[in-house]
Amino acid sequence: MTGPVVVGVDGSPSALSAVDTAAREASLRGVELRVVHAFTWPAMHVPRGGSPLGPPTGGLREMVEDMVGQAVGRASVAAPGVQVSHAVVAGEPLTVLEAQSRTAQLIVVGHRGSGGFLKVLLGSTAVHLSAHGRCPVMVVRGRPDLAGPVVVGVDGSRLGQAAIAFAFAEAALRGADLMALHAWSTWADHGEHRLGEPVDLVDLIGDVDQIRAAEELVLAEALAGHQERCPDVSVRSRLVRGRTRQALIEASGSAQLMVVGARGRGGFTGMLLGSVSQAVLHHSHCPVTVVRPGL
């Protein structure tokens, strides 16, 4: 996909980390980086200019332009060869960034903005943009292992194919290995319930090895075709018996990037962001990219 990498900034430490990451992503792709700030104060009817009692450069507009200018300078240091543009757009952050995502190939945000409460693990803009963005959304958090692999969560669903394709492309750009992780359990969690209780597939099939072999096939079929398109990417398939969210969060501790689909084969129809994706966004030890189907 053509288009710039866009990073949302609000002056928070989290946003500054996002600027560094976004600059590197733009450099990897050889595209422009666009630094965007959603200027909400005009809607609150706050005067933009300085106070009559203060310096002429003390107004809100001047503060915003200074903050954006610092972000642009930081991006230029992080990736000197990248062309950097900036925009200050009046509006609510989610609305502004969703509009920006329509022409971007990747949008990058910090895990918490300047408006978040101290105990909130993830800002509302990051969550909602991951569900509504028109391009992949990278949420910068944790301490990535830059020598580690790109990890992609695989559940075998059609909806997850976009995330797998993105993960292969990202691993190729970074020259990194790719770990394709698929978690499985003998307990059915996709709607097969008996009297309101989960069904243990061992009761139905009677052979754990047969269940494991079926899950290995799910993983292999999900990856089929992607390796041919990215032959230089070294892929390690990992089958884990356990809960998906815990397996992904644990794997993120030694990863440089986690990639997940917005929704997998579980969950409620109509949800834009599944419970596993939300858990990873809240607790991952490295940046997370959420890829919605059709992107």
C-alpha atoms as a PDB file:
ATOM      1  CA  MET A   1       0.000   0.000   0.000  1.00  0.00           C
ATOM      2  CA  THR A   2       1.204   3.509  -0.793  1.00  0.00           C
ATOM      3  CA  GLY A   3       0.864   6.430   1.573  1.00  0.00           C
ATOM      4  CA  PRO A   4       2.807   7.804   4.534  1.00  0.00           C
ATOM      5  CA  VAL A   5       3.356   6.496   8.015  1.00  0.00           C
ATOM      6  CA  VAL A   6       1.299   8.686  10.360  1.00  0.00           C
ATOM      7  CA  VAL A   7       2.054   9.195  14.043  1.00  0.00           C
ATOM      8  CA  GLY A   8      -0.329  10.844  16.487  1.00  0.00           C
ATOM      9  CA  VAL A   9       1.293  13.156  19.042  1.00  0.00           C
ATOM     10  CA  ASP A  10      -0.054  14.908  22.130  1.00  0.00           C
ATOM     11  CA  GLY A  11       3.094  15.814  24.045  1.00  0.00           C
ATOM     12  CA  SER A  12       3.002  12.758  26.311  1.00  0.00           C
ATOM     13  CA  PRO A  13       6.089  10.556  26.886  1.00  0.00           C
ATOM     14  CA  SER A  14       4.185   7.698  25.255  1.00  0.00           C
ATOM     15  CA  ALA A  15       3.649   9.769  22.103  1.00  0.00           C
ATOM     16  CA  LEU A  16       7.339  10.679  21.944  1.00  0.00           C
ATOM     17  CA  SER A  17       8.233   6.985  22.000  1.00  0.00           C
ATOM     18  CA  ALA A  18       5.698   6.498  19.205  1.00  0.00           C
ATOM     19  CA  VAL A  19       7.483   9.185  17.157  1.00  0.00           C
ATOM     20  CA  ASP A  20      10.783   7.291  17.376  1.00  0.00           C
ATOM     21  CA  THR A  21       9.122   4.039  16.318  1.00  0.00           C
ATOM     22  CA  ALA A  22       7.111   5.673  13.530  1.00  0.00           C
ATOM     23  CA  ALA A  23      10.248   7.330  12.124  1.00  0.00           C
ATOM     24  CA  ARG A  24      11.983   3.956  11.933  1.00  0.00           C
ATOM     25  CA  GLU A  25       8.914   2.404  10.282  1.00  0.00           C
ATOM     26  CA  ALA A  26       8.850   5.170   7.674  1.00  0.00           C
ATOM     27  CA  SER A  27      12.567   4.647   7.037  1.00  0.00           C
ATOM     28  CA  LEU A  28      12.072   0.898   6.538  1.00  0.00           C
ATOM     29  CA  ARG A  29       9.323   1.580   4.008  1.00  0.00           C
ATOM     30  CA  GLY A  30      11.052   4.486   2.281  1.00  0.00           C
ATOM     31  CA  VAL A  31       8.033   6.763   2.727  1.00  0.00           C
ATOM     32  CA  GLU A  32       7.150  10.091   4.317  1.00  0.00           C
ATOM     33  CA  LEU A  33       6.395  10.412   8.013  1.00  0.00           C
ATOM     34  CA  ARG A  34       3.453  12.646   8.901  1.00  0.00           C
ATOM     35  CA  VAL A  35       3.266  13.979  12.469  1.00  0.00           C
ATOM     36  CA  VAL A  36      -0.343  14.788  13.405  1.00  0.00           C
ATOM     37  CA  HIS A  37      -1.831  16.500  16.427  1.00  0.00           C
ATOM     38  CA  ALA A  38      -5.570  16.715  17.059  1.00  0.00           C
ATOM     39  CA  PHE A  39      -6.209  20.257  18.307  1.00  0.00           C
ATOM     40  CA  THR A  40      -9.253  19.913  20.567  1.00  0.00           C
ATOM     41  CA  TRP A  41      -9.108  23.205  22.409  1.00  0.00           C
ATOM     42  CA  PRO A  42     -10.901  25.336  19.761  1.00  0.00           C
ATOM     43  CA  ALA A  43     -13.981  23.140  20.240  1.00  0.00           C
ATOM     44  CA  MET A  44     -13.828  23.962  23.949  1.00  0.00           C
ATOM     45  CA  HIS A  45     -13.983  27.714  23.129  1.00  0.00           C
ATOM     46  CA  VAL A  46     -10.634  28.384  24.763  1.00  0.00           C
ATOM     47  CA  PRO A  47      -8.837  31.474  23.364  1.00  0.00           C
ATOM     48  CA  ARG A  48      -5.951  30.430  21.135  1.00  0.00           C
ATOM     49  CA  GLY A  49      -3.833  33.514  21.739  1.00  0.00           C
ATOM     50  CA  GLY A  50      -1.704  34.406  24.726  1.00  0.00           C
ATOM     51  CA  SER A  51      -3.035  36.015  27.854  1.00  0.00           C
ATOM     52  CA  PRO A  52      -2.913  39.840  27.949  1.00  0.00           C
ATOM     53  CA  LEU A  53      -0.859  39.446  31.119  1.00  0.00           C
ATOM     54  CA  GLY A  54       1.573  36.923  29.658  1.00  0.00           C
ATOM     55  CA  PRO A  55       4.136  36.738  26.842  1.00  0.00           C
ATOM     56  CA  PRO A  56       2.847  36.986  23.255  1.00  0.00           C
ATOM     57  CA  THR A  57       4.053  33.445  22.529  1.00  0.00           C
ATOM     58  CA  GLY A  58       2.240  31.910  25.487  1.00  0.00           C
ATOM     59  CA  GLY A  59      -1.015  30.988  23.711  1.00  0.00           C
ATOM     60  CA  LEU A  60      -2.383  27.522  23.158  1.00  0.00           C
ATOM     61  CA  ARG A  61      -1.661  27.583  19.438  1.00  0.00           C
ATOM     62  CA  GLU A  62       1.968  28.485  20.110  1.00  0.00           C
ATOM     63  CA  MET A  63       2.243  25.696  22.686  1.00  0.00           C
ATOM     64  CA  VAL A  64       0.864  23.161  20.224  1.00  0.00           C
ATOM     65  CA  GLU A  65       3.130  24.285  17.409  1.00  0.00           C
ATOM     66  CA  ASP A  66       6.133  24.073  19.732  1.00  0.00           C
ATOM     67  CA  MET A  67       5.133  20.571  20.825  1.00  0.00           C
ATOM     68  CA  VAL A  68       4.663  19.400  17.237  1.00  0.00           C
ATOM     69  CA  GLY A  69       7.944  21.041  16.236  1.00  0.00           C
ATOM     70  CA  GLN A  70       9.747  19.085  18.951  1.00  0.00           C
ATOM     71  CA  ALA A  71       8.187  15.864  17.665  1.00  0.00           C
ATOM     72  CA  VAL A  72       9.286  16.655  14.105  1.00  0.00           C
ATOM     73  CA  GLY A  73      12.829  17.336  15.326  1.00  0.00           C
ATOM     74  CA  ARG A  74      12.861  14.089  17.271  1.00  0.00           C
ATOM     75  CA  ALA A  75      11.724  12.161  14.186  1.00  0.00           C
ATOM     76  CA  SER A  76      14.496  13.722  12.100  1.00  0.00           C
ATOM     77  CA  VAL A  77      17.070  12.547  14.640  1.00  0.00           C
ATOM     78  CA  ALA A  78      15.602   9.033  14.830  1.00  0.00           C
ATOM     79  CA  ALA A  79      15.549   8.637  11.025  1.00  0.00           C
ATOM     80  CA  PRO A  80      17.653  11.350   9.353  1.00  0.00           C
ATOM     81  CA  GLY A  81      16.834  10.318   5.782  1.00  0.00           C
ATOM     82  CA  VAL A  82      13.054  10.403   6.201  1.00  0.00           C
ATOM     83  CA  GLN A  83      10.955  13.283   4.884  1.00  0.00           C
ATOM     84  CA  VAL A  84       8.834  14.579   7.771  1.00  0.00           C
ATOM     85  CA  SER A  85       5.683  16.671   7.428  1.00  0.00           C
ATOM     86  CA  HIS A  86       3.270  17.761  10.130  1.00  0.00           C
ATOM     87  CA  ALA A  87      -0.331  18.825  10.564  1.00  0.00           C
ATOM     88  CA  VAL A  88      -2.357  20.346  13.388  1.00  0.00           C
ATOM     89  CA  VAL A  89      -5.985  19.396  12.793  1.00  0.00           C
ATOM     90  CA  ALA A  90      -8.921  20.710  14.816  1.00  0.00           C
ATOM     91  CA  GLY A  91     -10.993  17.859  16.150  1.00  0.00           C
ATOM     92  CA  GLU A  92     -11.263  14.947  18.546  1.00  0.00           C
ATOM     93  CA  PRO A  93      -8.193  12.634  18.379  1.00  0.00           C
ATOM     94  CA  LEU A  94     -10.000   9.447  17.300  1.00  0.00           C
ATOM     95  CA  THR A  95     -11.890  11.270  14.527  1.00  0.00           C
ATOM     96  CA  VAL A  96      -8.759  13.028  13.278  1.00  0.00           C
ATOM     97  CA  LEU A  97      -6.576   9.913  13.310  1.00  0.00           C
ATOM     98  CA  GLU A  98      -9.264   7.716  11.741  1.00  0.00           C
ATOM     99  CA  ALA A  99      -9.457  10.210   8.882  1.00  0.00           C
ATOM    100  CA  GLN A 100      -5.667  10.175   8.555  1.00  0.00           C
ATOM    101  CA  SER A 101      -5.681   6.369   8.440  1.00  0.00           C
ATOM    102  CA  ARG A 102      -7.685   6.444   5.196  1.00  0.00           C
ATOM    103  CA  THR A 103      -4.612   7.553   3.234  1.00  0.00           C
ATOM    104  CA  ALA A 104      -1.846   6.071   5.422  1.00  0.00           C
ATOM    105  CA  GLN A 105      -0.184   2.672   5.136  1.00  0.00           C
ATOM    106  CA  LEU A 106       0.452   2.548   8.889  1.00  0.00           C
ATOM    107  CA  ILE A 107      -0.645   4.693  11.809  1.00  0.00           C
ATOM    108  CA  VAL A 108       1.363   4.730  15.034  1.00  0.00           C
ATOM    109  CA  VAL A 109       0.214   5.855  18.476  1.00  0.00           C
ATOM    110  CA  GLY A 110       1.473   5.583  22.037  1.00  0.00           C
ATOM    111  CA  HIS A 111      -0.221   3.237  24.467  1.00  0.00           C
ATOM    112  CA  ARG A 112      -1.333   6.098  26.708  1.00  0.00           C
ATOM    113  CA  GLY A 113      -1.986   9.716  25.889  1.00  0.00           C
ATOM    114  CA  SER A 114      -1.735  12.856  27.975  1.00  0.00           C
ATOM    115  CA  GLY A 115      -5.394  12.577  28.986  1.00  0.00           C
ATOM    116  CA  GLY A 116      -5.165   9.096  30.521  1.00  0.00           C
ATOM    117  CA  PHE A 117      -5.530   8.337  34.212  1.00  0.00           C
ATOM    118  CA  LEU A 118      -2.403   6.990  35.892  1.00  0.00           C
ATOM    119  CA  LYS A 119      -3.884   3.529  36.418  1.00  0.00           C
ATOM    120  CA  VAL A 120      -5.207   3.145  32.889  1.00  0.00           C
ATOM    121  CA  LEU A 121      -2.979   0.697  31.006  1.00  0.00           C
ATOM    122  CA  LEU A 122      -4.102   1.756  27.555  1.00  0.00           C
ATOM    123  CA  GLY A 123      -5.590   4.993  26.313  1.00  0.00           C
ATOM    124  CA  SER A 124      -9.043   4.989  24.762  1.00  0.00           C
ATOM    125  CA  THR A 125      -7.737   6.473  21.504  1.00  0.00           C
ATOM    126  CA  ALA A 126      -5.364   3.525  21.015  1.00  0.00           C
ATOM    127  CA  VAL A 127      -8.130   0.979  21.635  1.00  0.00           C
ATOM    128  CA  HIS A 128     -10.758   2.635  19.466  1.00  0.00           C
ATOM    129  CA  LEU A 129      -8.356   3.425  16.639  1.00  0.00           C
ATOM    130  CA  SER A 130      -7.280  -0.228  16.590  1.00  0.00           C
ATOM    131  CA  ALA A 131     -10.932  -1.138  16.077  1.00  0.00           C
ATOM    132  CA  HIS A 132     -11.813   1.578  13.553  1.00  0.00           C
ATOM    133  CA  GLY A 133      -8.601   2.479  11.694  1.00  0.00           C
ATOM    134  CA  ARG A 134      -8.601   2.060   7.909  1.00  0.00           C
ATOM    135  CA  CYS A 135      -4.988   0.845   7.906  1.00  0.00           C
ATOM    136  CA  PRO A 136      -2.904  -1.264  10.312  1.00  0.00           C
ATOM    137  CA  VAL A 137      -2.514   0.447  13.699  1.00  0.00           C
ATOM    138  CA  MET A 138       0.687   0.097  15.708  1.00  0.00           C
ATOM    139  CA  VAL A 139       0.453   0.778  19.452  1.00  0.00           C
ATOM    140  CA  VAL A 140       3.881   1.441  20.938  1.00  0.00           C
ATOM    141  CA  ARG A 141       4.441  -0.022  24.382  1.00  0.00           C
ATOM    142  CA  GLY A 142       6.951  -2.047  26.390  1.00  0.00           C
ATOM    143  CA  ARG A 143      10.623  -2.649  25.664  1.00  0.00           C
ATOM    144  CA  PRO A 144      11.006  -4.496  22.351  1.00  0.00           C
ATOM    145  CA  ASP A 145      13.861  -6.931  21.837  1.00  0.00           C
ATOM    146  CA  LEU A 146      15.280  -5.545  18.600  1.00  0.00           C
ATOM    147  CA  ALA A 147      17.090  -8.834  18.008  1.00  0.00           C
ATOM    148  CA  GLY A 148      13.921 -10.838  18.566  1.00  0.00           C
ATOM    149  CA  PRO A 149      11.376 -12.090  16.051  1.00  0.00           C
ATOM    150  CA  VAL A 150       8.162 -10.607  14.759  1.00  0.00           C
ATOM    151  CA  VAL A 151       5.425 -12.675  16.411  1.00  0.00           C
ATOM    152  CA  VAL A 152       2.039 -13.186  14.776  1.00  0.00           C
ATOM    153  CA  GLY A 153      -0.957 -14.772  16.433  1.00  0.00           C
ATOM    154  CA  VAL A 154      -2.536 -17.459  14.218  1.00  0.00           C
ATOM    155  CA  ASP A 155      -6.016 -18.835  14.852  1.00  0.00           C
ATOM    156  CA  GLY A 156      -6.785 -20.311  11.452  1.00  0.00           C
ATOM    157  CA  SER A 157      -9.634 -17.934  10.681  1.00  0.00           C
ATOM    158  CA  ARG A 158     -10.163 -16.145   7.389  1.00  0.00           C
ATOM    159  CA  LEU A 159     -10.183 -12.881   9.341  1.00  0.00           C
ATOM    160  CA  GLY A 160      -6.630 -13.518  10.518  1.00  0.00           C
ATOM    161  CA  GLN A 161      -5.072 -13.803   7.067  1.00  0.00           C
ATOM    162  CA  ALA A 162      -4.478 -10.049   6.767  1.00  0.00           C
ATOM    163  CA  ALA A 163      -2.471 -10.072  10.004  1.00  0.00           C
ATOM    164  CA  ILE A 164      -0.329 -12.983   8.788  1.00  0.00           C
ATOM    165  CA  ALA A 165       0.398 -11.237   5.482  1.00  0.00           C
ATOM    166  CA  PHE A 166       1.348  -8.031   7.329  1.00  0.00           C
ATOM    167  CA  ALA A 167       3.611  -9.950   9.736  1.00  0.00           C
ATOM    168  CA  PHE A 168       5.495 -11.594   6.853  1.00  0.00           C
ATOM    169  CA  ALA A 169       5.983  -8.225   5.154  1.00  0.00           C
ATOM    170  CA  GLU A 170       7.107  -6.604   8.402  1.00  0.00           C
ATOM    171  CA  ALA A 171       9.610  -9.380   9.119  1.00  0.00           C
ATOM    172  CA  ALA A 172      10.995  -8.996   5.585  1.00  0.00           C
ATOM    173  CA  LEU A 173      11.388  -5.230   6.037  1.00  0.00           C
ATOM    174  CA  ARG A 174      13.196  -5.682   9.350  1.00  0.00           C
ATOM    175  CA  GLY A 175      15.311  -8.648   8.289  1.00  0.00           C
ATOM    176  CA  ALA A 176      13.837 -10.476  11.272  1.00  0.00           C
ATOM    177  CA  ASP A 177      12.640 -13.999  11.900  1.00  0.00           C
ATOM    178  CA  LEU A 178       8.910 -14.636  12.092  1.00  0.00           C
ATOM    179  CA  MET A 179       7.313 -16.695  14.836  1.00  0.00           C
ATOM    180  CA  ALA A 180       3.820 -17.914  13.952  1.00  0.00           C
ATOM    181  CA  LEU A 181       2.133 -18.825  17.235  1.00  0.00           C
ATOM    182  CA  HIS A 182      -1.036 -20.878  17.485  1.00  0.00           C
ATOM    183  CA  ALA A 183      -2.507 -21.751  20.886  1.00  0.00           C
ATOM    184  CA  TRP A 184      -4.908 -24.650  21.318  1.00  0.00           C
ATOM    185  CA  SER A 185      -6.862 -26.410  24.015  1.00  0.00           C
ATOM    186  CA  THR A 186      -8.958 -29.544  24.320  1.00  0.00           C
ATOM    187  CA  TRP A 187     -11.769 -27.350  25.609  1.00  0.00           C
ATOM    188  CA  ALA A 188     -14.075 -26.081  22.870  1.00  0.00           C
ATOM    189  CA  ASP A 189     -14.485 -22.315  23.095  1.00  0.00           C
ATOM    190  CA  HIS A 190     -16.158 -21.506  19.787  1.00  0.00           C
ATOM    191  CA  GLY A 191     -19.786 -22.063  20.622  1.00  0.00           C
ATOM    192  CA  GLU A 192     -19.893 -25.825  21.201  1.00  0.00           C
ATOM    193  CA  HIS A 193     -21.482 -25.903  24.645  1.00  0.00           C
ATOM    194  CA  ARG A 194     -23.501 -28.518  26.492  1.00  0.00           C
ATOM    195  CA  LEU A 195     -25.997 -27.301  29.101  1.00  0.00           C
ATOM    196  CA  GLY A 196     -24.088 -24.061  29.343  1.00  0.00           C
ATOM    197  CA  GLU A 197     -20.771 -25.801  30.055  1.00  0.00           C
ATOM    198  CA  PRO A 198     -17.693 -25.930  27.802  1.00  0.00           C
ATOM    199  CA  VAL A 199     -17.143 -29.223  26.022  1.00  0.00           C
ATOM    200  CA  ASP A 200     -13.871 -31.143  26.507  1.00  0.00           C
ATOM    201  CA  LEU A 201     -12.999 -32.450  23.055  1.00  0.00           C
ATOM    202  CA  VAL A 202     -11.269 -35.422  24.648  1.00  0.00           C
ATOM    203  CA  ASP A 203     -14.731 -36.652  25.653  1.00  0.00           C
ATOM    204  CA  LEU A 204     -15.803 -36.479  21.996  1.00  0.00           C
ATOM    205  CA  ILE A 205     -12.639 -37.588  20.217  1.00  0.00           C
ATOM    206  CA  GLY A 206     -10.798 -39.454  22.947  1.00  0.00           C
ATOM    207  CA  ASP A 207      -7.304 -38.772  21.584  1.00  0.00           C
ATOM    208  CA  VAL A 208      -5.243 -35.718  22.536  1.00  0.00           C
ATOM    209  CA  ASP A 209      -2.633 -36.505  19.866  1.00  0.00           C
ATOM    210  CA  GLN A 210      -5.343 -36.422  17.223  1.00  0.00           C
ATOM    211  CA  ILE A 211      -6.498 -33.029  18.464  1.00  0.00           C
ATOM    212  CA  ARG A 212      -2.922 -31.735  18.440  1.00  0.00           C
ATOM    213  CA  ALA A 213      -2.381 -33.010  14.898  1.00  0.00           C
ATOM    214  CA  ALA A 214      -5.532 -31.202  13.761  1.00  0.00           C
ATOM    215  CA  GLU A 215      -4.261 -27.965  15.307  1.00  0.00           C
ATOM    216  CA  GLU A 216      -0.882 -28.420  13.605  1.00  0.00           C
ATOM    217  CA  LEU A 217      -2.769 -28.631  10.329  1.00  0.00           C
ATOM    218  CA  VAL A 218      -4.666 -25.432  11.160  1.00  0.00           C
ATOM    219  CA  LEU A 219      -1.348 -23.627  11.661  1.00  0.00           C
ATOM    220  CA  ALA A 220       0.234 -25.045   8.500  1.00  0.00           C
ATOM    221  CA  GLU A 221      -2.770 -24.176   6.341  1.00  0.00           C
ATOM    222  CA  ALA A 222      -2.908 -20.630   7.720  1.00  0.00           C
ATOM    223  CA  LEU A 223       0.703 -20.042   6.661  1.00  0.00           C
ATOM    224  CA  ALA A 224       0.398 -21.722   3.264  1.00  0.00           C
ATOM    225  CA  GLY A 225       1.205 -19.336   0.415  1.00  0.00           C
ATOM    226  CA  HIS A 226       2.707 -16.577   2.543  1.00  0.00           C
ATOM    227  CA  GLN A 227       6.161 -18.158   2.644  1.00  0.00           C
ATOM    228  CA  GLU A 228       6.274 -18.249  -1.159  1.00  0.00           C
ATOM    229  CA  ARG A 229       5.621 -14.503  -1.302  1.00  0.00           C
ATOM    230  CA  CYS A 230       8.353 -13.782   1.277  1.00  0.00           C
ATOM    231  CA  PRO A 231      10.939 -16.548   0.664  1.00  0.00           C
ATOM    232  CA  ASP A 232      13.703 -14.761   2.582  1.00  0.00           C
ATOM    233  CA  VAL A 233      11.761 -14.743   5.858  1.00  0.00           C
ATOM    234  CA  SER A 234      12.771 -17.479   8.286  1.00  0.00           C
ATOM    235  CA  VAL A 235       9.575 -18.836   9.854  1.00  0.00           C
ATOM    236  CA  ARG A 236       9.258 -20.769  13.087  1.00  0.00           C
ATOM    237  CA  SER A 237       5.867 -22.325  13.753  1.00  0.00           C
ATOM    238  CA  ARG A 238       5.030 -22.624  17.429  1.00  0.00           C
ATOM    239  CA  LEU A 239       2.116 -24.679  18.732  1.00  0.00           C
ATOM    240  CA  VAL A 240       1.198 -23.951  22.354  1.00  0.00           C
ATOM    241  CA  ARG A 241      -1.313 -25.802  24.460  1.00  0.00           C
ATOM    242  CA  GLY A 242      -2.992 -23.157  26.578  1.00  0.00           C
ATOM    243  CA  ARG A 243      -4.906 -19.902  26.446  1.00  0.00           C
ATOM    244  CA  THR A 244      -4.156 -17.693  23.467  1.00  0.00           C
ATOM    245  CA  ARG A 245      -3.831 -14.392  25.275  1.00  0.00           C
ATOM    246  CA  GLN A 246      -1.347 -15.711  27.852  1.00  0.00           C
ATOM    247  CA  ALA A 247       0.726 -17.413  25.142  1.00  0.00           C
ATOM    248  CA  LEU A 248       0.948 -14.231  23.061  1.00  0.00           C
ATOM    249  CA  ILE A 249       1.754 -12.001  26.020  1.00  0.00           C
ATOM    250  CA  GLU A 250       4.503 -14.378  27.122  1.00  0.00           C
ATOM    251  CA  ALA A 251       5.954 -14.511  23.593  1.00  0.00           C
ATOM    252  CA  SER A 252       5.965 -10.701  23.408  1.00  0.00           C
ATOM    253  CA  GLY A 253       8.650 -10.622  26.113  1.00  0.00           C
ATOM    254  CA  SER A 254      11.334 -11.656  23.618  1.00  0.00           C
ATOM    255  CA  ALA A 255       9.795 -10.119  20.463  1.00  0.00           C
ATOM    256  CA  GLN A 256      10.437  -6.890  18.607  1.00  0.00           C
ATOM    257  CA  LEU A 257       6.853  -6.679  17.355  1.00  0.00           C
ATOM    258  CA  MET A 258       3.558  -8.466  17.976  1.00  0.00           C
ATOM    259  CA  VAL A 259       0.989  -8.684  15.170  1.00  0.00           C
ATOM    260  CA  VAL A 260      -2.618  -9.712  15.779  1.00  0.00           C
ATOM    261  CA  GLY A 261      -5.865  -9.585  13.875  1.00  0.00           C
ATOM    262  CA  ALA A 262      -8.609  -7.330  15.138  1.00  0.00           C
ATOM    263  CA  ARG A 263     -10.912 -10.306  15.618  1.00  0.00           C
ATOM    264  CA  GLY A 264     -10.447 -14.046  15.309  1.00  0.00           C
ATOM    265  CA  ARG A 265     -12.749 -17.017  15.044  1.00  0.00           C
ATOM    266  CA  GLY A 266     -13.876 -16.690  18.648  1.00  0.00           C
ATOM    267  CA  GLY A 267     -15.849 -13.916  20.300  1.00  0.00           C
ATOM    268  CA  PHE A 268     -19.162 -12.325  19.458  1.00  0.00           C
ATOM    269  CA  THR A 269     -20.142 -11.558  15.883  1.00  0.00           C
ATOM    270  CA  GLY A 270     -20.080  -7.818  15.273  1.00  0.00           C
ATOM    271  CA  MET A 271     -17.248  -7.048  17.702  1.00  0.00           C
ATOM    272  CA  LEU A 272     -14.655  -4.891  15.968  1.00  0.00           C
ATOM    273  CA  LEU A 273     -11.904  -5.773  18.433  1.00  0.00           C
ATOM    274  CA  GLY A 274     -11.758  -9.194  20.037  1.00  0.00           C
ATOM    275  CA  SER A 275     -10.866 -10.001  23.635  1.00  0.00           C
ATOM    276  CA  VAL A 276      -7.495 -11.525  22.722  1.00  0.00           C
ATOM    277  CA  SER A 277      -6.474  -8.424  20.751  1.00  0.00           C
ATOM    278  CA  GLN A 278      -7.545  -6.178  23.607  1.00  0.00           C
ATOM    279  CA  ALA A 279      -5.608  -8.267  26.152  1.00  0.00           C
ATOM    280  CA  VAL A 280      -2.452  -8.121  24.033  1.00  0.00           C
ATOM    281  CA  LEU A 281      -2.830  -4.362  23.560  1.00  0.00           C
ATOM    282  CA  HIS A 282      -3.064  -3.912  27.319  1.00  0.00           C
ATOM    283  CA  HIS A 283      -0.326  -6.282  28.441  1.00  0.00           C
ATOM    284  CA  SER A 284       2.185  -6.871  25.634  1.00  0.00           C
ATOM    285  CA  HIS A 285       5.865  -6.306  26.421  1.00  0.00           C
ATOM    286  CA  CYS A 286       6.562  -4.940  22.932  1.00  0.00           C
ATOM    287  CA  PRO A 287       4.757  -2.819  20.308  1.00  0.00           C
ATOM    288  CA  VAL A 288       1.576  -4.356  18.903  1.00  0.00           C
ATOM    289  CA  THR A 289       0.135  -3.930  15.413  1.00  0.00           C
ATOM    290  CA  VAL A 290      -3.560  -4.660  14.946  1.00  0.00           C
ATOM    291  CA  VAL A 291      -4.556  -5.538  11.386  1.00  0.00           C
ATOM    292  CA  ARG A 292      -8.214  -5.513  10.458  1.00  0.00           C
ATOM    293  CA  PRO A 293      -9.548  -7.776   7.671  1.00  0.00           C
ATOM    294  CA  GLY A 294      -9.475  -6.236   4.221  1.00  0.00           C
ATOM    295  CA  LEU A 295      -6.583  -3.881   4.925  1.00  0.00           C
END
